[in-house]
Amino acid sequence: MTQTFRDVDLTQAFAQAKRHLASGQTNEALELLAAALGQTYALEQDYAPAVALLGNTLAQQGDARGAITCAWYLNDDRMAE
């Protein structure tokens, strides 16, 4: 079932995505993070951890391009490896 994400609170989306990942619902976590990060204006202290979680999850799923994009945003050379 596809959900629509309007006015998603980034902090809540981050917490929910972590719960999805903990329960093995990787696709749901990716969908939620991508939607929340794509529409949210947030403080860097809230935004960066969500980008890092997205990047790590993309890397685990074999999406190197997506993971590198997140690493670029975070200016994290270690994440890009």
PDB file of N, CA and C in Angstrom:
ATOM      1  N   MET A   1       0.845  -1.184   0.000  1.00  0.00           N
ATOM      2  CA  MET A   1       0.000   0.000   0.000  1.00  0.00           C
ATOM      3  C   MET A   1       0.885   1.240   0.000  1.00  0.00           C
ATOM      4  N   THR A   2       0.653   2.132  -0.924  1.00  0.00           N
ATOM      5  CA  THR A   2       1.427   3.352  -1.010  1.00  0.00           C
ATOM      6  C   THR A   2       0.786   4.427  -0.153  1.00  0.00           C
ATOM      7  N   GLN A   3       1.615   5.061   0.647  1.00  0.00           N
ATOM      8  CA  GLN A   3       1.133   6.147   1.491  1.00  0.00           C
ATOM      9  C   GLN A   3       1.517   7.467   0.849  1.00  0.00           C
ATOM     10  N   THR A   4       0.756   8.497   1.138  1.00  0.00           N
ATOM     11  CA  THR A   4       1.153   9.835   0.742  1.00  0.00           C
ATOM     12  C   THR A   4       1.656  10.538   1.983  1.00  0.00           C
ATOM     13  N   PHE A   5       2.696  11.309   1.805  1.00  0.00           N
ATOM     14  CA  PHE A   5       3.334  11.972   2.937  1.00  0.00           C
ATOM     15  C   PHE A   5       3.224  13.477   2.744  1.00  0.00           C
ATOM     16  N   ARG A   6       2.341  14.066   3.497  1.00  0.00           N
ATOM     17  CA  ARG A   6       2.180  15.518   3.454  1.00  0.00           C
ATOM     18  C   ARG A   6       2.455  16.059   4.836  1.00  0.00           C
ATOM     19  N   ASP A   7       3.187  17.143   4.870  1.00  0.00           N
ATOM     20  CA  ASP A   7       3.515  17.786   6.135  1.00  0.00           C
ATOM     21  C   ASP A   7       4.113  16.788   7.128  1.00  0.00           C
ATOM     22  N   VAL A   8       5.052  15.995   6.651  1.00  0.00           N
ATOM     23  CA  VAL A   8       5.702  15.004   7.495  1.00  0.00           C
ATOM     24  C   VAL A   8       6.710  15.701   8.392  1.00  0.00           C
ATOM     25  N   ASP A   9       6.616  15.450   9.672  1.00  0.00           N
ATOM     26  CA  ASP A   9       7.587  15.964  10.622  1.00  0.00           C
ATOM     27  C   ASP A   9       8.843  15.107  10.497  1.00  0.00           C
ATOM     28  N   LEU A  10       9.981  15.742  10.236  1.00  0.00           N
ATOM     29  CA  LEU A  10      11.208  15.006   9.993  1.00  0.00           C
ATOM     30  C   LEU A  10      11.627  14.170  11.196  1.00  0.00           C
ATOM     31  N   THR A  11      11.476  14.701  12.382  1.00  0.00           N
ATOM     32  CA  THR A  11      11.853  13.959  13.582  1.00  0.00           C
ATOM     33  C   THR A  11      11.004  12.703  13.726  1.00  0.00           C
ATOM     34  N   GLN A  12       9.715  12.827  13.480  1.00  0.00           N
ATOM     35  CA  GLN A  12       8.825  11.666  13.553  1.00  0.00           C
ATOM     36  C   GLN A  12       9.127  10.670  12.437  1.00  0.00           C
ATOM     37  N   ALA A  13       9.407  11.176  11.249  1.00  0.00           N
ATOM     38  CA  ALA A  13       9.723  10.296  10.124  1.00  0.00           C
ATOM     39  C   ALA A  13      11.011   9.525  10.388  1.00  0.00           C
ATOM     40  N   PHE A  14      12.010  10.190  10.959  1.00  0.00           N
ATOM     41  CA  PHE A  14      13.280   9.547  11.294  1.00  0.00           C
ATOM     42  C   PHE A  14      13.048   8.413  12.290  1.00  0.00           C
ATOM     43  N   ALA A  15      12.279   8.683  13.326  1.00  0.00           N
ATOM     44  CA  ALA A  15      11.993   7.666  14.344  1.00  0.00           C
ATOM     45  C   ALA A  15      11.211   6.497  13.745  1.00  0.00           C
ATOM     46  N   GLN A  16      10.231   6.804  12.913  1.00  0.00           N
ATOM     47  CA  GLN A  16       9.432   5.745  12.287  1.00  0.00           C
ATOM     48  C   GLN A  16      10.284   4.920  11.331  1.00  0.00           C
ATOM     49  N   ALA A  17      11.160   5.570  10.584  1.00  0.00           N
ATOM     50  CA  ALA A  17      12.034   4.846   9.658  1.00  0.00           C
ATOM     51  C   ALA A  17      12.955   3.894  10.419  1.00  0.00           C
ATOM     52  N   LYS A  18      13.463   4.329  11.561  1.00  0.00           N
ATOM     53  CA  LYS A  18      14.298   3.447  12.378  1.00  0.00           C
ATOM     54  C   LYS A  18      13.503   2.234  12.852  1.00  0.00           C
ATOM     55  N   ARG A  19      12.239   2.446  13.211  1.00  0.00           N
ATOM     56  CA  ARG A  19      11.385   1.320  13.620  1.00  0.00           C
ATOM     57  C   ARG A  19      11.151   0.364  12.448  1.00  0.00           C
ATOM     58  N   HIS A  20      10.916   0.924  11.271  1.00  0.00           N
ATOM     59  CA  HIS A  20      10.738   0.086  10.081  1.00  0.00           C
ATOM     60  C   HIS A  20      11.985  -0.768   9.839  1.00  0.00           C
ATOM     61  N   LEU A  21      13.157  -0.136   9.928  1.00  0.00           N
ATOM     62  CA  LEU A  21      14.393  -0.875   9.693  1.00  0.00           C
ATOM     63  C   LEU A  21      14.592  -1.969  10.730  1.00  0.00           C
ATOM     64  N   ALA A  22      14.283  -1.667  11.975  1.00  0.00           N
ATOM     65  CA  ALA A  22      14.442  -2.655  13.047  1.00  0.00           C
ATOM     66  C   ALA A  22      13.536  -3.865  12.836  1.00  0.00           C
ATOM     67  N   SER A  23      12.408  -3.649  12.177  1.00  0.00           N
ATOM     68  CA  SER A  23      11.475  -4.756  11.944  1.00  0.00           C
ATOM     69  C   SER A  23      11.614  -5.352  10.541  1.00  0.00           C
ATOM     70  N   GLY A  24      12.673  -4.948   9.828  1.00  0.00           N
ATOM     71  CA  GLY A  24      12.931  -5.524   8.513  1.00  0.00           C
ATOM     72  C   GLY A  24      12.140  -4.928   7.372  1.00  0.00           C
ATOM     73  N   GLN A  25      11.477  -3.815   7.599  1.00  0.00           N
ATOM     74  CA  GLN A  25      10.664  -3.168   6.562  1.00  0.00           C
ATOM     75  C   GLN A  25      11.488  -2.088   5.860  1.00  0.00           C
ATOM     76  N   THR A  26      12.500  -2.538   5.126  1.00  0.00           N
ATOM     77  CA  THR A  26      13.447  -1.618   4.508  1.00  0.00           C
ATOM     78  C   THR A  26      12.792  -0.711   3.480  1.00  0.00           C
ATOM     79  N   ASN A  27      11.960  -1.255   2.618  1.00  0.00           N
ATOM     80  CA  ASN A  27      11.323  -0.435   1.586  1.00  0.00           C
ATOM     81  C   ASN A  27      10.461   0.664   2.186  1.00  0.00           C
ATOM     82  N   GLU A  28       9.746   0.345   3.250  1.00  0.00           N
ATOM     83  CA  GLU A  28       8.918   1.349   3.914  1.00  0.00           C
ATOM     84  C   GLU A  28       9.788   2.454   4.508  1.00  0.00           C
ATOM     85  N   ALA A  29      10.919   2.071   5.093  1.00  0.00           N
ATOM     86  CA  ALA A  29      11.834   3.060   5.672  1.00  0.00           C
ATOM     87  C   ALA A  29      12.391   3.973   4.589  1.00  0.00           C
ATOM     88  N   LEU A  30      12.811   3.394   3.473  1.00  0.00           N
ATOM     89  CA  LEU A  30      13.350   4.196   2.375  1.00  0.00           C
ATOM     90  C   LEU A  30      12.310   5.157   1.825  1.00  0.00           C
ATOM     91  N   GLU A  31      11.107   4.664   1.636  1.00  0.00           N
ATOM     92  CA  GLU A  31      10.025   5.502   1.107  1.00  0.00           C
ATOM     93  C   GLU A  31       9.732   6.669   2.049  1.00  0.00           C
ATOM     94  N   LEU A  32       9.662   6.379   3.323  1.00  0.00           N
ATOM     95  CA  LEU A  32       9.362   7.407   4.313  1.00  0.00           C
ATOM     96  C   LEU A  32      10.472   8.449   4.385  1.00  0.00           C
ATOM     97  N   LEU A  33      11.730   8.008   4.448  1.00  0.00           N
ATOM     98  CA  LEU A  33      12.850   8.950   4.525  1.00  0.00           C
ATOM     99  C   LEU A  33      12.932   9.820   3.278  1.00  0.00           C
ATOM    100  N   ALA A  34      12.819   9.210   2.117  1.00  0.00           N
ATOM    101  CA  ALA A  34      12.905   9.976   0.876  1.00  0.00           C
ATOM    102  C   ALA A  34      11.793  11.012   0.787  1.00  0.00           C
ATOM    103  N   ALA A  35      10.593  10.628   1.166  1.00  0.00           N
ATOM    104  CA  ALA A  35       9.470  11.568   1.123  1.00  0.00           C
ATOM    105  C   ALA A  35       9.660  12.699   2.124  1.00  0.00           C
ATOM    106  N   ALA A  36      10.063  12.363   3.324  1.00  0.00           N
ATOM    107  CA  ALA A  36      10.228  13.383   4.363  1.00  0.00           C
ATOM    108  C   ALA A  36      11.363  14.336   4.022  1.00  0.00           C
ATOM    109  N   LEU A  37      12.484  13.798   3.560  1.00  0.00           N
ATOM    110  CA  LEU A  37      13.623  14.655   3.235  1.00  0.00           C
ATOM    111  C   LEU A  37      13.355  15.504   2.003  1.00  0.00           C
ATOM    112  N   GLY A  38      12.524  15.014   1.111  1.00  0.00           N
ATOM    113  CA  GLY A  38      12.225  15.750  -0.105  1.00  0.00           C
ATOM    114  C   GLY A  38      11.307  16.936   0.079  1.00  0.00           C
ATOM    115  N   GLN A  39      10.574  16.990   1.150  1.00  0.00           N
ATOM    116  CA  GLN A  39       9.609  18.077   1.319  1.00  0.00           C
ATOM    117  C   GLN A  39       9.845  18.912   2.566  1.00  0.00           C
ATOM    118  N   THR A  40      10.880  18.614   3.317  1.00  0.00           N
ATOM    119  CA  THR A  40      11.034  19.207   4.636  1.00  0.00           C
ATOM    120  C   THR A  40      12.074  20.311   4.650  1.00  0.00           C
ATOM    121  N   TYR A  41      11.719  21.379   5.317  1.00  0.00           N
ATOM    122  CA  TYR A  41      12.688  22.409   5.664  1.00  0.00           C
ATOM    123  C   TYR A  41      12.987  22.190   7.130  1.00  0.00           C
ATOM    124  N   ALA A  42      14.238  21.893   7.434  1.00  0.00           N
ATOM    125  CA  ALA A  42      14.570  21.534   8.808  1.00  0.00           C
ATOM    126  C   ALA A  42      15.943  22.074   9.168  1.00  0.00           C
ATOM    127  N   LEU A  43      16.193  22.099  10.448  1.00  0.00           N
ATOM    128  CA  LEU A  43      17.520  22.451  10.930  1.00  0.00           C
ATOM    129  C   LEU A  43      18.500  21.358  10.537  1.00  0.00           C
ATOM    130  N   GLU A  44      19.724  21.746  10.275  1.00  0.00           N
ATOM    131  CA  GLU A  44      20.751  20.776   9.888  1.00  0.00           C
ATOM    132  C   GLU A  44      20.902  19.665  10.923  1.00  0.00           C
ATOM    133  N   GLN A  45      20.775  20.006  12.192  1.00  0.00           N
ATOM    134  CA  GLN A  45      20.930  19.003  13.255  1.00  0.00           C
ATOM    135  C   GLN A  45      19.849  17.927  13.190  1.00  0.00           C
ATOM    136  N   ASP A  46      18.716  18.222  12.585  1.00  0.00           N
ATOM    137  CA  ASP A  46      17.657  17.234  12.399  1.00  0.00           C
ATOM    138  C   ASP A  46      17.765  16.554  11.032  1.00  0.00           C
ATOM    139  N   TYR A  47      18.185  17.322  10.035  1.00  0.00           N
ATOM    140  CA  TYR A  47      18.216  16.836   8.659  1.00  0.00           C
ATOM    141  C   TYR A  47      19.353  15.845   8.417  1.00  0.00           C
ATOM    142  N   ALA A  48      20.553  16.179   8.903  1.00  0.00           N
ATOM    143  CA  ALA A  48      21.739  15.359   8.633  1.00  0.00           C
ATOM    144  C   ALA A  48      21.609  13.914   9.119  1.00  0.00           C
ATOM    145  N   PRO A  49      21.110  13.656  10.332  1.00  0.00           N
ATOM    146  CA  PRO A  49      20.977  12.248  10.744  1.00  0.00           C
ATOM    147  C   PRO A  49      20.016  11.453   9.854  1.00  0.00           C
ATOM    148  N   ALA A  50      18.978  12.107   9.363  1.00  0.00           N
ATOM    149  CA  ALA A  50      18.037  11.421   8.473  1.00  0.00           C
ATOM    150  C   ALA A  50      18.703  11.112   7.131  1.00  0.00           C
ATOM    151  N   VAL A  51      19.518  12.038   6.631  1.00  0.00           N
ATOM    152  CA  VAL A  51      20.253  11.792   5.388  1.00  0.00           C
ATOM    153  C   VAL A  51      21.245  10.648   5.586  1.00  0.00           C
ATOM    154  N   ALA A  52      21.917  10.629   6.736  1.00  0.00           N
ATOM    155  CA  ALA A  52      22.871   9.551   7.022  1.00  0.00           C
ATOM    156  C   ALA A  52      22.164   8.198   7.085  1.00  0.00           C
ATOM    157  N   LEU A  53      21.017   8.148   7.732  1.00  0.00           N
ATOM    158  CA  LEU A  53      20.256   6.899   7.813  1.00  0.00           C
ATOM    159  C   LEU A  53      19.816   6.453   6.419  1.00  0.00           C
ATOM    160  N   LEU A  54      19.357   7.391   5.618  1.00  0.00           N
ATOM    161  CA  LEU A  54      18.967   7.074   4.246  1.00  0.00           C
ATOM    162  C   LEU A  54      20.165   6.543   3.465  1.00  0.00           C
ATOM    163  N   GLY A  55      21.303   7.226   3.567  1.00  0.00           N
ATOM    164  CA  GLY A  55      22.500   6.795   2.845  1.00  0.00           C
ATOM    165  C   GLY A  55      22.969   5.414   3.253  1.00  0.00           C
ATOM    166  N   ASN A  56      22.985   5.150   4.537  1.00  0.00           N
ATOM    167  CA  ASN A  56      23.403   3.831   5.018  1.00  0.00           C
ATOM    168  C   ASN A  56      22.446   2.742   4.545  1.00  0.00           C
ATOM    169  N   THR A  57      21.163   3.041   4.566  1.00  0.00           N
ATOM    170  CA  THR A  57      20.170   2.061   4.131  1.00  0.00           C
ATOM    171  C   THR A  57      20.280   1.810   2.633  1.00  0.00           C
ATOM    172  N   LEU A  58      20.483   2.867   1.869  1.00  0.00           N
ATOM    173  CA  LEU A  58      20.667   2.698   0.427  1.00  0.00           C
ATOM    174  C   LEU A  58      21.905   1.856   0.135  1.00  0.00           C
ATOM    175  N   ALA A  59      22.983   2.098   0.863  1.00  0.00           N
ATOM    176  CA  ALA A  59      24.209   1.317   0.671  1.00  0.00           C
ATOM    177  C   ALA A  59      23.967  -0.158   0.970  1.00  0.00           C
ATOM    178  N   GLN A  60      23.236  -0.434   2.028  1.00  0.00           N
ATOM    179  CA  GLN A  60      22.937  -1.823   2.383  1.00  0.00           C
ATOM    180  C   GLN A  60      22.074  -2.506   1.326  1.00  0.00           C
ATOM    181  N   GLN A  61      21.281  -1.723   0.630  1.00  0.00           N
ATOM    182  CA  GLN A  61      20.411  -2.262  -0.417  1.00  0.00           C
ATOM    183  C   GLN A  61      21.114  -2.318  -1.774  1.00  0.00           C
ATOM    184  N   GLY A  62      22.374  -1.889  -1.831  1.00  0.00           N
ATOM    185  CA  GLY A  62      23.135  -1.945  -3.067  1.00  0.00           C
ATOM    186  C   GLY A  62      22.964  -0.748  -3.977  1.00  0.00           C
ATOM    187  N   ASP A  63      22.360   0.315  -3.482  1.00  0.00           N
ATOM    188  CA  ASP A  63      22.168   1.528  -4.279  1.00  0.00           C
ATOM    189  C   ASP A  63      23.350   2.467  -4.033  1.00  0.00           C
ATOM    190  N   ALA A  64      24.453   2.198  -4.731  1.00  0.00           N
ATOM    191  CA  ALA A  64      25.677   2.973  -4.528  1.00  0.00           C
ATOM    192  C   ALA A  64      25.491   4.441  -4.901  1.00  0.00           C
ATOM    193  N   ARG A  65      24.786   4.711  -5.976  1.00  0.00           N
ATOM    194  CA  ARG A  65      24.592   6.104  -6.400  1.00  0.00           C
ATOM    195  C   ARG A  65      23.816   6.901  -5.359  1.00  0.00           C
ATOM    196  N   GLY A  66      22.760   6.313  -4.840  1.00  0.00           N
ATOM    197  CA  GLY A  66      21.989   6.997  -3.806  1.00  0.00           C
ATOM    198  C   GLY A  66      22.808   7.225  -2.553  1.00  0.00           C
ATOM    199  N   ALA A  67      23.576   6.213  -2.160  1.00  0.00           N
ATOM    200  CA  ALA A  67      24.411   6.330  -0.964  1.00  0.00           C
ATOM    201  C   ALA A  67      25.482   7.399  -1.141  1.00  0.00           C
ATOM    202  N   ILE A  68      26.091   7.446  -2.324  1.00  0.00           N
ATOM    203  CA  ILE A  68      27.122   8.451  -2.585  1.00  0.00           C
ATOM    204  C   ILE A  68      26.521   9.849  -2.595  1.00  0.00           C
ATOM    205  N   THR A  69      25.310   9.987  -3.103  1.00  0.00           N
ATOM    206  CA  THR A  69      24.641  11.291  -3.075  1.00  0.00           C
ATOM    207  C   THR A  69      24.446  11.764  -1.643  1.00  0.00           C
ATOM    208  N   CYS A  70      24.036  10.866  -0.767  1.00  0.00           N
ATOM    209  CA  CYS A  70      23.880  11.220   0.649  1.00  0.00           C
ATOM    210  C   CYS A  70      25.227  11.577   1.261  1.00  0.00           C
ATOM    211  N   ALA A  71      26.267  10.796   0.927  1.00  0.00           N
ATOM    212  CA  ALA A  71      27.613  11.078   1.441  1.00  0.00           C
ATOM    213  C   ALA A  71      28.087  12.449   0.970  1.00  0.00           C
ATOM    214  N   TRP A  72      27.795  12.778  -0.285  1.00  0.00           N
ATOM    215  CA  TRP A  72      28.179  14.084  -0.818  1.00  0.00           C
ATOM    216  C   TRP A  72      27.499  15.199  -0.020  1.00  0.00           C
ATOM    217  N   TYR A  73      26.209  15.057   0.210  1.00  0.00           N
ATOM    218  CA  TYR A  73      25.483  16.066   0.976  1.00  0.00           C
ATOM    219  C   TYR A  73      26.105  16.243   2.356  1.00  0.00           C
ATOM    220  N   LEU A  74      26.460  15.136   2.992  1.00  0.00           N
ATOM    221  CA  LEU A  74      27.012  15.177   4.349  1.00  0.00           C
ATOM    222  C   LEU A  74      28.496  15.521   4.369  1.00  0.00           C
ATOM    223  N   ASN A  75      29.121  15.599   3.176  1.00  0.00           N
ATOM    224  CA  ASN A  75      30.563  15.833   3.074  1.00  0.00           C
ATOM    225  C   ASN A  75      31.319  14.763   3.861  1.00  0.00           C
ATOM    226  N   ASP A  76      30.899  13.513   3.677  1.00  0.00           N
ATOM    227  CA  ASP A  76      31.434  12.380   4.432  1.00  0.00           C
ATOM    228  C   ASP A  76      32.143  11.421   3.482  1.00  0.00           C
ATOM    229  N   ASP A  77      33.456  11.547   3.391  1.00  0.00           N
ATOM    230  CA  ASP A  77      34.228  10.685   2.503  1.00  0.00           C
ATOM    231  C   ASP A  77      34.169   9.226   2.931  1.00  0.00           C
ATOM    232  N   ARG A  78      34.080   8.963   4.226  1.00  0.00           N
ATOM    233  CA  ARG A  78      34.028   7.583   4.715  1.00  0.00           C
ATOM    234  C   ARG A  78      32.755   6.896   4.240  1.00  0.00           C
ATOM    235  N   MET A  79      31.666   7.624   4.230  1.00  0.00           N
ATOM    236  CA  MET A  79      30.388   7.045   3.814  1.00  0.00           C
ATOM    237  C   MET A  79      30.404   6.715   2.321  1.00  0.00           C
ATOM    238  N   ALA A  80      31.187   7.462   1.560  1.00  0.00           N
ATOM    239  CA  ALA A  80      31.230   7.274   0.111  1.00  0.00           C
ATOM    240  C   ALA A  80      32.012   6.030  -0.293  1.00  0.00           C
ATOM    241  N   GLU A  81      32.761   5.451   0.620  1.00  0.00           N
ATOM    242  CA  GLU A  81      33.596   4.287   0.277  1.00  0.00           C
ATOM    243  C   GLU A  81      32.827   3.037   0.169  1.00  0.00           C
TER     244      GLU A  81
END
